Each structure stands twice: as structure tokens, then as C-alpha cells.
Protein backbone atom coordinates (compact mmCIF):
# COMPACT_ATOMS: atom_id res chain seq x y z
CA MET A 1 -190.52 21.18 3.15
CA PHE A 2 -189.08 23.51 0.44
CA SER A 3 -186.38 21.73 -1.81
CA PRO A 4 -183.79 24.38 -3.31
CA ALA A 5 -183.48 21.71 -6.59
CA LEU A 6 -186.90 23.24 -7.36
CA SER A 7 -185.64 26.76 -7.94
CA ALA A 8 -181.88 26.67 -7.78
CA GLY A 9 -182.23 26.97 -12.09
CA GLY A 10 -180.91 23.79 -12.67
CA ALA A 11 -182.31 20.23 -14.50
CA VAL A 12 -184.83 19.21 -11.97
CA GLU A 13 -186.10 22.65 -11.88
CA ARG A 14 -186.51 22.88 -15.96
CA ASP A 15 -188.01 19.31 -15.63
CA PHE A 16 -190.31 20.28 -13.36
CA LYS A 17 -191.50 22.98 -14.94
CA LEU A 18 -191.91 21.02 -18.05
CA TYR A 19 -193.96 18.65 -16.54
CA MET A 20 -196.76 21.46 -15.00
CA LYS A 21 -196.70 22.42 -18.24
CA ASN A 22 -197.59 19.31 -19.72
CA MET A 23 -199.73 17.63 -16.98
CA VAL A 24 -201.47 20.37 -15.44
CA GLY A 25 -201.55 23.08 -18.76
CA LYS A 26 -203.46 20.64 -20.79
CA GLN A 27 -206.48 19.96 -17.92
CA SER A 28 -208.23 22.40 -15.99
CA GLN A 29 -206.40 23.52 -13.24
CA VAL A 30 -209.90 23.15 -10.52
CA ARG A 31 -209.87 19.91 -11.53
CA ARG A 32 -206.21 18.75 -11.58
CA ALA A 33 -205.75 20.37 -8.11
CA ARG A 34 -208.98 18.17 -6.67
CA GLU A 35 -206.67 15.18 -8.02
CA PHE A 36 -203.95 16.32 -6.65
CA LYS A 37 -205.43 16.87 -3.18
CA LYS A 38 -207.11 13.29 -3.05
CA ALA A 39 -203.70 11.62 -4.22
CA GLY A 40 -201.83 14.06 -1.65
CA GLY A 41 -204.18 11.94 1.86
CA ASP A 42 -207.00 14.80 1.05
CA VAL A 43 -206.77 15.35 5.05
CA HIS A 44 -209.21 17.92 5.74
CA HIS A 45 -207.43 21.53 7.20
CA ARG A 46 -204.47 20.42 4.94
CA HIS A 47 -205.64 21.00 2.14
CA GLY A 48 -202.08 22.35 0.59
CA ALA A 49 -200.15 19.83 2.23
CA SER A 50 -202.47 17.19 0.10
CA ILE A 51 -202.30 19.57 -2.96
CA ALA A 52 -198.12 19.48 -2.78
CA MET A 53 -197.86 15.94 -1.53
CA GLY A 54 -200.25 14.32 -5.18
CA ILE A 55 -198.41 16.92 -7.39
CA LEU A 56 -194.69 15.46 -5.94
CA ASP A 57 -196.01 12.18 -5.74
CA ASP A 58 -197.35 12.57 -9.68
CA TYR A 59 -193.96 14.09 -10.41
CA LEU A 60 -192.06 12.15 -9.01
CA ALA A 61 -193.80 8.62 -10.97
CA THR A 62 -193.44 10.69 -14.39
CA GLU A 63 -190.73 10.81 -16.55
CA VAL A 64 -191.10 13.80 -18.59
CA ALA A 65 -189.56 13.66 -22.22
CA GLU A 66 -186.59 15.67 -22.14
CA GLY A 67 -185.89 15.78 -18.50
CA CYS A 68 -184.32 13.87 -15.81
CA HIS A 69 -184.31 10.19 -15.47
CA LEU A 70 -186.55 9.21 -12.35
CA SER A 71 -184.06 8.30 -9.77
CA TRP A 72 -182.13 11.24 -10.34
CA LYS A 73 -185.16 13.55 -9.32
CA ARG A 74 -186.28 11.49 -6.41
CA LYS A 75 -182.62 11.69 -5.28
CA GLN A 76 -182.33 15.56 -5.20
CA LEU A 77 -185.97 15.73 -4.11
CA LYS A 78 -185.91 13.51 -1.09
CA ASP A 79 -186.23 16.20 1.68
CA THR A 80 -189.60 17.00 0.00
CA TYR A 81 -190.95 14.60 2.02
CA LYS A 82 -191.08 16.30 4.95
CA ILE A 83 -194.64 17.32 3.43
CA GLU A 84 -195.62 13.82 5.15
CA ARG A 85 -195.13 15.09 8.41
CA LEU A 86 -197.95 17.82 8.53
CA LEU A 87 -200.12 15.60 6.96
CA LYS A 88 -199.97 12.85 9.97
CA LYS A 89 -200.46 16.38 12.36
């Protein structure tokens, strides 16, 4: 479920931190978490996985200024979609 690319100190980690700062920092964290949960499937008793899936979906669809190209970060984070399995249980 966890991708080393998000914490390896590389380009994807810097890109993700920029994304979180730009996208979440400007809005209410509670409201944004609810939006992520709904986007991630809003699965009852799996709220953490729903929020994570919503964050990943939004992040992988968002071009961050001075960040990674969409295709490259999707390739680096392809293994994180194991979260989908949690939501289907």
C-alpha cells in the first residue's frame, strides 16, 4: 500500500509535498478530507483507505507547477493502487 517513491527524498516526494501545500493548505482540512473520502469511494468502515484513494486519484490527476509530469509520477506510484483491494473487501 505504501510507495517508497513518496518518501525517498526524490522528485515524487517533493511534488507530493507541493501538491498537499497548494491543494489542501488553502482549504479547510475537514472539508477537504470529506471530499477526498467521497472521491475515494466513501466506503463505510474503511474511511482511511477511502481518503487515501481520493488523495491519490486527485494527486495523480493534478499537474503541480514546478513538479513532475503526470505520466512519470503515475508510473512511479503504480503500486499504491493496492489500496483498491482494501476498499473491495
